[in-house]
N, C-alpha and C. Protein backbone atom coordinates (compact mmCIF):
# COMPACT_ATOMS: atom_id res chain seq x y z
N UNK A 1 97.47 86.67 81.74
CA UNK A 1 97.25 87.09 83.12
C UNK A 1 97.67 86.02 84.10
N UNK A 2 98.16 84.91 83.61
CA UNK A 2 98.47 83.86 84.57
C UNK A 2 99.30 82.74 84.00
N UNK A 3 99.29 81.65 84.75
CA UNK A 3 100.14 80.51 84.46
C UNK A 3 99.34 79.25 84.76
N UNK A 4 99.43 78.28 83.86
CA UNK A 4 98.77 76.99 84.03
C UNK A 4 99.82 75.89 83.88
N UNK A 5 99.69 74.84 84.69
CA UNK A 5 100.64 73.73 84.59
C UNK A 5 100.01 72.50 85.24
N UNK A 6 100.61 71.36 84.98
CA UNK A 6 100.12 70.11 85.55
C UNK A 6 100.47 70.08 87.04
N UNK A 7 99.47 69.73 87.85
CA UNK A 7 99.65 69.66 89.30
C UNK A 7 100.71 68.62 89.64
N UNK A 8 101.62 68.99 90.52
CA UNK A 8 102.72 68.15 91.03
C UNK A 8 103.85 67.97 90.03
N UNK A 9 103.68 68.46 88.81
CA UNK A 9 104.77 68.46 87.85
C UNK A 9 105.45 69.82 87.93
N UNK A 10 104.81 70.84 87.35
CA UNK A 10 105.31 72.21 87.48
C UNK A 10 104.47 73.04 88.44
N UNK A 11 103.20 72.68 88.58
CA UNK A 11 102.35 73.44 89.51
C UNK A 11 102.52 72.83 90.90
N UNK A 12 103.51 73.37 91.61
CA UNK A 12 103.87 72.87 92.94
C UNK A 12 103.78 74.00 93.95
N UNK A 13 103.81 73.66 95.22
CA UNK A 13 103.80 74.69 96.25
C UNK A 13 105.01 75.61 96.13
N UNK A 14 106.18 75.05 95.82
CA UNK A 14 107.38 75.88 95.69
C UNK A 14 107.22 76.90 94.55
N UNK A 15 106.68 76.47 93.41
CA UNK A 15 106.50 77.38 92.29
C UNK A 15 105.38 78.39 92.54
N UNK A 16 104.34 77.99 93.25
CA UNK A 16 103.28 78.93 93.61
C UNK A 16 103.83 79.98 94.57
N UNK A 17 104.64 79.56 95.52
CA UNK A 17 105.27 80.54 96.44
C UNK A 17 106.14 81.53 95.66
N UNK A 18 106.89 81.03 94.70
CA UNK A 18 107.76 81.88 93.87
C UNK A 18 106.91 82.92 93.11
N UNK A 19 105.84 82.48 92.48
CA UNK A 19 104.96 83.41 91.76
C UNK A 19 104.32 84.41 92.71
N UNK A 20 103.88 83.94 93.87
CA UNK A 20 103.25 84.84 94.85
C UNK A 20 104.24 85.88 95.36
N UNK A 21 105.47 85.49 95.58
CA UNK A 21 106.50 86.44 96.02
C UNK A 21 106.69 87.53 94.98
N UNK A 22 106.78 87.12 93.71
CA UNK A 22 106.98 88.09 92.63
C UNK A 22 105.77 89.01 92.49
N UNK A 23 104.57 88.47 92.61
CA UNK A 23 103.36 89.30 92.54
C UNK A 23 103.33 90.27 93.71
N UNK A 24 103.68 89.81 94.89
CA UNK A 24 103.72 90.69 96.05
C UNK A 24 104.68 91.84 95.85
N UNK A 25 105.84 91.56 95.33
CA UNK A 25 106.82 92.62 95.08
C UNK A 25 106.30 93.61 94.03
N UNK A 26 105.63 93.08 93.02
CA UNK A 26 105.04 93.93 91.98
C UNK A 26 104.00 94.88 92.60
N UNK A 27 103.12 94.33 93.41
CA UNK A 27 102.05 95.12 94.03
C UNK A 27 102.64 96.16 94.98
N UNK A 28 103.65 95.77 95.76
CA UNK A 28 104.26 96.70 96.74
C UNK A 28 104.99 97.86 96.06
N UNK A 29 105.45 97.65 94.84
CA UNK A 29 106.08 98.77 94.12
C UNK A 29 105.05 99.84 93.73
N UNK A 30 103.79 99.47 93.73
CA UNK A 30 102.73 100.40 93.34
C UNK A 30 101.99 101.01 94.53
N UNK A 31 102.06 100.35 95.67
CA UNK A 31 101.39 100.83 96.88
C UNK A 31 102.15 100.26 98.07
N UNK A 32 102.61 101.12 98.96
CA UNK A 32 103.41 100.63 100.09
C UNK A 32 102.57 99.88 101.12
N UNK A 33 101.23 100.03 101.08
CA UNK A 33 100.35 99.32 102.03
C UNK A 33 99.19 98.68 101.26
N UNK A 34 99.49 97.71 100.40
CA UNK A 34 98.45 97.14 99.55
C UNK A 34 97.54 96.13 100.25
N UNK A 35 96.41 95.89 99.59
CA UNK A 35 95.47 94.85 100.00
C UNK A 35 95.13 94.02 98.77
N UNK A 36 95.21 92.71 98.90
CA UNK A 36 95.02 91.80 97.77
C UNK A 36 94.05 90.70 98.17
N UNK A 37 93.16 90.37 97.24
CA UNK A 37 92.23 89.26 97.42
C UNK A 37 92.88 87.98 96.91
N UNK A 38 92.64 86.87 97.58
CA UNK A 38 93.09 85.57 97.11
C UNK A 38 91.87 84.66 97.02
N UNK A 39 91.60 84.19 95.80
CA UNK A 39 90.49 83.28 95.55
C UNK A 39 91.00 81.96 95.00
N UNK A 40 90.09 81.01 94.86
CA UNK A 40 90.45 79.70 94.32
C UNK A 40 89.20 78.99 93.85
N UNK A 41 89.40 77.99 92.96
CA UNK A 41 88.27 77.20 92.47
C UNK A 41 88.25 75.84 93.15
N UNK A 42 87.55 74.89 92.56
CA UNK A 42 87.35 73.59 93.20
C UNK A 42 88.34 72.51 92.74
N UNK A 43 89.33 72.89 92.00
CA UNK A 43 90.32 71.90 91.56
C UNK A 43 91.09 71.32 92.75
N UNK A 44 91.74 70.21 92.49
CA UNK A 44 92.53 69.53 93.51
C UNK A 44 93.51 70.49 94.18
N UNK A 45 93.40 70.61 95.47
CA UNK A 45 94.31 71.38 96.33
C UNK A 45 94.27 72.89 96.12
N UNK A 46 93.30 73.40 95.34
CA UNK A 46 93.25 74.85 95.10
C UNK A 46 93.17 75.64 96.40
N UNK A 47 92.36 75.19 97.34
CA UNK A 47 92.24 75.89 98.61
C UNK A 47 93.59 75.97 99.32
N UNK A 48 94.35 74.89 99.28
CA UNK A 48 95.67 74.86 99.94
C UNK A 48 96.66 75.77 99.22
N UNK A 49 96.62 75.78 97.90
CA UNK A 49 97.48 76.70 97.15
C UNK A 49 97.11 78.15 97.46
N UNK A 50 95.80 78.42 97.57
CA UNK A 50 95.35 79.77 97.91
C UNK A 50 95.87 80.19 99.28
N UNK A 51 95.79 79.30 100.25
CA UNK A 51 96.31 79.62 101.59
C UNK A 51 97.81 79.91 101.55
N UNK A 52 98.53 79.18 100.70
CA UNK A 52 99.97 79.40 100.60
C UNK A 52 100.27 80.76 99.98
N UNK A 53 99.49 81.16 98.99
CA UNK A 53 99.64 82.50 98.42
C UNK A 53 99.42 83.55 99.50
N UNK A 54 98.39 83.36 100.33
CA UNK A 54 98.09 84.30 101.41
C UNK A 54 99.27 84.38 102.39
N UNK A 55 99.89 83.26 102.69
CA UNK A 55 101.04 83.25 103.61
C UNK A 55 102.19 84.07 103.04
N UNK A 56 102.48 83.85 101.76
CA UNK A 56 103.60 84.57 101.13
C UNK A 56 103.31 86.07 101.08
N UNK A 57 102.12 86.44 100.65
CA UNK A 57 101.79 87.87 100.57
C UNK A 57 101.82 88.51 101.95
N UNK A 58 101.27 87.83 102.95
CA UNK A 58 101.25 88.42 104.30
C UNK A 58 102.66 88.59 104.85
N UNK A 59 103.59 87.74 104.44
CA UNK A 59 104.97 87.87 104.90
C UNK A 59 105.62 89.15 104.37
N UNK A 60 105.02 89.73 103.33
CA UNK A 60 105.50 91.00 102.77
C UNK A 60 104.68 92.17 103.32
N UNK A 61 103.92 91.92 104.36
CA UNK A 61 103.04 92.93 104.97
C UNK A 61 101.98 93.44 104.00
N UNK A 62 101.51 92.55 103.15
CA UNK A 62 100.38 92.84 102.27
C UNK A 62 99.13 92.31 102.95
N UNK A 63 98.15 93.19 103.13
CA UNK A 63 96.88 92.77 103.74
C UNK A 63 96.18 91.84 102.75
N UNK A 64 95.77 90.67 103.23
CA UNK A 64 95.18 89.64 102.38
C UNK A 64 93.74 89.38 102.79
N UNK A 65 92.87 89.37 101.80
CA UNK A 65 91.47 88.95 101.98
C UNK A 65 91.38 87.58 101.29
N UNK A 66 91.36 86.52 102.10
CA UNK A 66 91.37 85.15 101.60
C UNK A 66 89.94 84.61 101.55
N UNK A 67 89.51 84.21 100.37
CA UNK A 67 88.15 83.69 100.22
C UNK A 67 87.95 82.45 101.09
N UNK A 68 86.80 82.37 101.72
CA UNK A 68 86.48 81.28 102.63
C UNK A 68 85.96 80.05 101.91
N UNK A 69 85.71 80.18 100.61
CA UNK A 69 85.22 79.05 99.81
C UNK A 69 85.56 79.30 98.35
N UNK A 70 85.40 78.29 97.53
CA UNK A 70 85.68 78.42 96.11
C UNK A 70 84.78 79.49 95.50
N UNK A 71 85.35 80.27 94.57
CA UNK A 71 84.63 81.39 93.96
C UNK A 71 84.92 81.45 92.46
N UNK A 72 83.97 81.96 91.67
CA UNK A 72 84.23 82.14 90.24
C UNK A 72 85.06 83.40 89.98
N UNK A 73 85.79 83.38 88.90
CA UNK A 73 86.65 84.51 88.54
C UNK A 73 85.89 85.83 88.44
N UNK A 74 84.67 85.87 87.88
CA UNK A 74 83.96 87.16 87.85
C UNK A 74 83.68 87.74 89.25
N UNK A 75 83.48 86.87 90.24
CA UNK A 75 83.28 87.36 91.61
C UNK A 75 84.56 87.98 92.15
N UNK A 76 85.70 87.44 91.76
CA UNK A 76 86.98 88.01 92.17
C UNK A 76 87.14 89.40 91.57
N UNK A 77 86.87 89.53 90.27
CA UNK A 77 86.98 90.83 89.60
C UNK A 77 86.02 91.85 90.24
N UNK A 78 84.79 91.44 90.50
CA UNK A 78 83.81 92.31 91.13
C UNK A 78 84.31 92.81 92.48
N UNK A 79 84.89 91.92 93.27
CA UNK A 79 85.34 92.27 94.62
C UNK A 79 86.53 93.22 94.60
N UNK A 80 87.42 93.05 93.64
CA UNK A 80 88.55 93.99 93.53
C UNK A 80 88.01 95.41 93.39
N UNK A 81 87.06 95.59 92.49
CA UNK A 81 86.50 96.92 92.23
C UNK A 81 85.69 97.40 93.43
N UNK A 82 84.81 96.55 93.94
CA UNK A 82 83.92 96.93 95.05
C UNK A 82 84.70 97.36 96.28
N UNK A 83 85.80 96.66 96.57
CA UNK A 83 86.56 96.93 97.79
C UNK A 83 87.82 97.77 97.54
N UNK A 84 87.97 98.24 96.30
CA UNK A 84 89.10 99.09 95.95
C UNK A 84 90.43 98.44 96.34
N UNK A 85 90.60 97.18 95.94
CA UNK A 85 91.80 96.43 96.28
C UNK A 85 92.90 96.67 95.24
N UNK A 86 94.10 96.28 95.59
CA UNK A 86 95.25 96.47 94.70
C UNK A 86 95.39 95.34 93.69
N UNK A 87 94.55 94.33 93.80
CA UNK A 87 94.58 93.22 92.87
C UNK A 87 94.11 91.95 93.53
N UNK A 88 94.28 90.85 92.78
CA UNK A 88 93.88 89.54 93.30
C UNK A 88 94.71 88.45 92.65
N UNK A 89 94.91 87.39 93.41
CA UNK A 89 95.47 86.16 92.89
C UNK A 89 94.37 85.13 92.98
N UNK A 90 94.08 84.48 91.86
CA UNK A 90 93.04 83.47 91.83
C UNK A 90 93.68 82.15 91.39
N UNK A 91 93.52 81.13 92.21
CA UNK A 91 94.05 79.80 91.89
C UNK A 91 92.99 79.08 91.06
N UNK A 92 93.25 78.97 89.76
CA UNK A 92 92.35 78.31 88.83
C UNK A 92 93.09 78.02 87.53
N UNK A 93 92.76 76.92 86.90
CA UNK A 93 93.31 76.62 85.58
C UNK A 93 92.28 76.88 84.50
N UNK A 94 91.18 77.53 84.87
CA UNK A 94 90.13 77.88 83.92
C UNK A 94 89.64 76.66 83.15
N UNK A 95 89.74 76.70 81.85
CA UNK A 95 89.18 75.67 80.98
C UNK A 95 90.10 74.47 80.77
N UNK A 96 91.27 74.47 81.36
CA UNK A 96 92.23 73.39 81.13
C UNK A 96 91.77 72.09 81.79
N UNK A 97 92.27 70.95 81.31
CA UNK A 97 91.87 69.64 81.87
C UNK A 97 92.15 69.54 83.37
N UNK A 98 91.53 68.56 84.00
CA UNK A 98 91.56 68.40 85.46
C UNK A 98 92.92 68.21 86.09
N UNK A 99 93.90 67.73 85.33
CA UNK A 99 95.23 67.54 85.92
C UNK A 99 96.02 68.84 86.04
N UNK A 100 95.45 69.91 85.51
CA UNK A 100 96.08 71.23 85.58
C UNK A 100 95.54 72.05 86.74
N UNK A 101 96.37 72.96 87.21
CA UNK A 101 95.90 74.06 88.04
C UNK A 101 96.62 75.30 87.53
N UNK A 102 96.28 76.44 88.08
CA UNK A 102 96.87 77.65 87.58
C UNK A 102 96.74 78.79 88.56
N UNK A 103 97.33 79.88 88.18
CA UNK A 103 97.34 81.08 89.00
C UNK A 103 97.10 82.27 88.07
N UNK A 104 96.06 83.04 88.38
CA UNK A 104 95.77 84.25 87.61
C UNK A 104 96.00 85.45 88.51
N UNK A 105 96.59 86.49 87.94
CA UNK A 105 96.74 87.75 88.65
C UNK A 105 95.88 88.79 87.96
N UNK A 106 95.04 89.45 88.74
CA UNK A 106 94.23 90.56 88.26
C UNK A 106 94.69 91.82 88.95
N UNK A 107 94.70 92.91 88.21
CA UNK A 107 95.18 94.18 88.75
C UNK A 107 94.04 94.96 89.41
N UNK A 108 94.35 96.14 89.87
CA UNK A 108 93.39 96.93 90.66
C UNK A 108 92.15 97.34 89.89
N UNK A 109 92.17 97.20 88.57
CA UNK A 109 90.98 97.51 87.78
C UNK A 109 90.06 96.29 87.63
N UNK A 110 90.42 95.18 88.26
CA UNK A 110 89.61 93.96 88.21
C UNK A 110 89.84 93.14 86.96
N UNK A 111 90.67 93.60 86.07
CA UNK A 111 90.92 92.92 84.81
C UNK A 111 92.16 92.02 84.90
N UNK A 112 92.25 91.05 83.99
CA UNK A 112 93.48 90.26 83.94
C UNK A 112 94.68 91.17 83.71
N UNK A 113 95.78 90.82 84.32
CA UNK A 113 97.01 91.60 84.17
C UNK A 113 97.41 91.67 82.70
N UNK A 114 97.76 92.85 82.27
CA UNK A 114 98.20 93.06 80.89
C UNK A 114 99.64 92.59 80.71
N UNK A 115 100.09 92.44 79.46
CA UNK A 115 101.45 91.95 79.22
C UNK A 115 102.55 92.75 79.94
N UNK A 116 102.36 94.05 80.08
CA UNK A 116 103.38 94.85 80.77
C UNK A 116 103.55 94.37 82.22
N UNK A 117 102.42 94.09 82.87
CA UNK A 117 102.46 93.62 84.26
C UNK A 117 103.02 92.21 84.34
N UNK A 118 102.55 91.32 83.47
CA UNK A 118 103.02 89.94 83.55
C UNK A 118 104.51 89.84 83.21
N UNK A 119 104.97 90.67 82.28
CA UNK A 119 106.41 90.68 81.95
C UNK A 119 107.22 91.12 83.16
N UNK A 120 106.75 92.14 83.86
CA UNK A 120 107.45 92.61 85.05
C UNK A 120 107.49 91.52 86.14
N UNK A 121 106.37 90.84 86.31
CA UNK A 121 106.30 89.75 87.30
C UNK A 121 107.20 88.59 86.87
N UNK A 122 107.18 88.24 85.59
CA UNK A 122 108.05 87.17 85.10
C UNK A 122 109.53 87.52 85.30
N UNK A 123 109.89 88.77 85.05
CA UNK A 123 111.28 89.19 85.27
C UNK A 123 111.66 89.09 86.75
N UNK A 124 110.72 89.41 87.62
CA UNK A 124 110.95 89.28 89.07
C UNK A 124 111.17 87.81 89.42
N UNK A 125 110.40 86.92 88.82
CA UNK A 125 110.56 85.47 89.08
C UNK A 125 111.95 85.01 88.65
N UNK A 126 112.40 85.46 87.48
CA UNK A 126 113.74 85.09 87.00
C UNK A 126 114.81 85.57 87.98
N UNK A 127 114.66 86.79 88.48
CA UNK A 127 115.63 87.31 89.46
C UNK A 127 115.62 86.49 90.73
N UNK A 128 114.43 86.10 91.19
CA UNK A 128 114.32 85.27 92.39
C UNK A 128 114.97 83.91 92.17
N UNK A 129 114.72 83.32 91.01
CA UNK A 129 115.31 82.02 90.70
C UNK A 129 116.84 82.12 90.62
N UNK A 130 117.33 83.18 90.01
CA UNK A 130 118.78 83.38 89.87
C UNK A 130 119.45 83.50 91.24
N UNK A 131 118.74 84.09 92.19
CA UNK A 131 119.30 84.25 93.53
C UNK A 131 119.03 83.04 94.43
N UNK A 132 118.45 81.98 93.85
CA UNK A 132 118.10 80.76 94.61
C UNK A 132 117.17 81.05 95.77
N UNK A 133 116.23 81.97 95.56
CA UNK A 133 115.27 82.38 96.58
C UNK A 133 114.47 81.17 97.07
N UNK A 134 114.25 81.13 98.37
CA UNK A 134 113.35 80.16 98.99
C UNK A 134 112.50 80.92 99.99
N UNK A 135 111.28 80.47 100.17
CA UNK A 135 110.38 81.13 101.11
C UNK A 135 110.77 80.76 102.53
N UNK A 136 111.33 81.73 103.25
CA UNK A 136 111.71 81.52 104.64
C UNK A 136 111.12 82.60 105.54
N UNK A 137 110.43 83.58 104.95
CA UNK A 137 109.87 84.68 105.73
C UNK A 137 108.73 84.18 106.62
N UNK A 138 108.45 84.91 107.65
CA UNK A 138 107.38 84.54 108.58
C UNK A 138 106.08 85.19 108.12
N UNK A 139 105.06 84.37 107.84
CA UNK A 139 103.76 84.94 107.47
C UNK A 139 103.18 85.76 108.63
N UNK A 140 102.38 86.74 108.30
CA UNK A 140 101.73 87.58 109.29
C UNK A 140 100.23 87.27 109.28
N UNK A 141 99.84 86.27 110.05
CA UNK A 141 98.44 85.82 110.06
C UNK A 141 97.47 86.91 110.50
N UNK A 142 97.96 87.90 111.22
CA UNK A 142 97.06 88.95 111.73
C UNK A 142 96.53 89.84 110.60
N UNK A 143 97.13 89.81 109.41
CA UNK A 143 96.65 90.64 108.31
C UNK A 143 96.00 89.81 107.20
N UNK A 144 95.69 88.55 107.53
CA UNK A 144 94.95 87.68 106.61
C UNK A 144 93.53 87.54 107.16
N UNK A 145 92.56 87.97 106.35
CA UNK A 145 91.16 87.92 106.77
C UNK A 145 90.39 86.96 105.87
N UNK A 146 89.66 86.05 106.46
CA UNK A 146 88.79 85.14 105.70
C UNK A 146 87.52 85.89 105.32
N UNK A 147 87.16 85.84 104.03
CA UNK A 147 85.99 86.58 103.55
C UNK A 147 85.11 85.70 102.67
N UNK A 148 83.82 85.97 102.72
CA UNK A 148 82.86 85.32 101.85
C UNK A 148 82.37 86.37 100.86
N UNK A 149 82.87 86.33 99.64
CA UNK A 149 82.53 87.35 98.66
C UNK A 149 81.28 87.01 97.86
N UNK A 150 80.76 85.82 98.03
CA UNK A 150 79.62 85.36 97.25
C UNK A 150 78.36 86.19 97.39
N UNK A 151 77.88 86.47 98.60
CA UNK A 151 76.61 87.20 98.74
C UNK A 151 76.59 88.56 98.05
N UNK A 152 77.63 89.36 98.21
CA UNK A 152 77.66 90.68 97.57
C UNK A 152 77.68 90.54 96.05
N UNK A 153 78.43 89.57 95.54
CA UNK A 153 78.50 89.34 94.10
C UNK A 153 77.13 88.94 93.56
N UNK A 154 76.46 88.02 94.24
CA UNK A 154 75.15 87.56 93.77
C UNK A 154 74.10 88.66 93.84
N UNK A 155 74.17 89.49 94.88
CA UNK A 155 73.24 90.63 94.96
C UNK A 155 73.45 91.57 93.78
N UNK A 156 74.69 91.85 93.46
CA UNK A 156 74.98 92.72 92.33
C UNK A 156 74.54 92.08 91.01
N UNK A 157 74.79 90.80 90.87
CA UNK A 157 74.39 90.08 89.66
C UNK A 157 72.88 90.14 89.45
N UNK A 158 72.14 90.06 90.54
CA UNK A 158 70.68 90.12 90.45
C UNK A 158 70.18 91.48 89.96
N UNK A 159 71.00 92.52 90.03
CA UNK A 159 70.61 93.83 89.49
C UNK A 159 70.88 93.91 87.99
N UNK A 160 71.60 92.94 87.45
CA UNK A 160 71.98 92.96 86.04
C UNK A 160 71.28 91.90 85.20
N UNK A 161 70.76 90.88 85.86
CA UNK A 161 70.12 89.76 85.18
C UNK A 161 68.68 89.66 85.66
N UNK A 162 67.76 89.47 84.74
CA UNK A 162 66.35 89.34 85.10
C UNK A 162 66.08 87.90 85.56
N UNK A 163 66.29 87.68 86.85
CA UNK A 163 66.15 86.32 87.39
C UNK A 163 64.71 85.83 87.32
N UNK A 164 63.75 86.72 87.50
CA UNK A 164 62.34 86.32 87.42
C UNK A 164 62.02 85.80 86.02
N UNK A 165 62.50 86.49 85.01
CA UNK A 165 62.25 86.07 83.63
C UNK A 165 62.85 84.68 83.39
N UNK A 166 64.01 84.44 83.93
CA UNK A 166 64.64 83.12 83.77
C UNK A 166 63.82 82.06 84.49
N UNK A 167 63.40 82.36 85.74
CA UNK A 167 62.58 81.40 86.50
C UNK A 167 61.27 81.10 85.79
N UNK A 168 60.66 82.13 85.21
CA UNK A 168 59.35 81.97 84.56
C UNK A 168 59.43 81.36 83.16
N UNK A 169 60.63 81.18 82.61
CA UNK A 169 60.78 80.69 81.24
C UNK A 169 60.46 79.21 81.10
N UNK A 170 60.41 78.48 82.21
CA UNK A 170 60.09 77.06 82.14
C UNK A 170 61.21 76.22 81.54
N UNK A 171 62.42 76.70 81.63
CA UNK A 171 63.56 75.97 81.08
C UNK A 171 64.01 74.86 82.01
N UNK A 172 64.50 73.80 81.43
CA UNK A 172 65.17 72.76 82.19
C UNK A 172 66.61 72.76 81.73
N UNK A 173 67.53 72.97 82.65
CA UNK A 173 68.94 73.09 82.30
C UNK A 173 69.78 72.12 83.10
N UNK A 174 70.88 71.71 82.51
CA UNK A 174 71.91 70.95 83.22
C UNK A 174 73.20 71.73 83.05
N UNK A 175 73.96 71.87 84.12
CA UNK A 175 75.19 72.64 84.07
C UNK A 175 76.28 71.89 84.81
N UNK A 176 77.43 71.79 84.20
CA UNK A 176 78.58 71.17 84.84
C UNK A 176 79.74 72.16 84.76
N UNK A 177 80.14 72.71 85.90
CA UNK A 177 81.22 73.69 85.94
C UNK A 177 82.59 73.03 85.85
N UNK A 178 82.61 71.71 85.65
CA UNK A 178 83.85 70.95 85.65
C UNK A 178 84.59 71.24 86.94
N UNK A 179 85.73 71.88 86.89
CA UNK A 179 86.47 72.16 88.12
C UNK A 179 86.30 73.61 88.56
N UNK A 180 85.42 74.34 87.88
CA UNK A 180 85.19 75.74 88.20
C UNK A 180 84.28 75.91 89.38
N UNK A 181 83.89 77.13 89.63
CA UNK A 181 83.07 77.42 90.79
C UNK A 181 81.73 77.97 90.35
């Protein structure tokens, strides 16, 4: 469903723009007026990469819901379904070491893109590279909306998890999300 690489080696703004352009074209072939969520984690520059994805998508007249803060991948999937979006791009390298970042594409069902979708996006990237594509389009800031998806996700999570039972269990826990959210 995505791509991981070392930051500033292969994971660069130019390559993120290239992937975002291909994803935008993929989404537009399925809906002429799509809406896509863009999320990101706490890794180095993830917020900036997320903003760049939003710029590229908006230049294709794709309505973008850009997360206002770092979010976990399950919250992204939940929001796609809840808001009936055409998909999401999430800037995260998941479990990879800290020098990595990554880009995940989830489809309108909230799930990671299947091989058929990723192959189509990869083929689009090859075509863009062959044509020496560079991002020169003008972003449309008027269709980029900053959103906080956390509260709705946490409210829904509380309907699925017995938080009182956890609080009353008397557990002492330590948790390190590493670079996650």
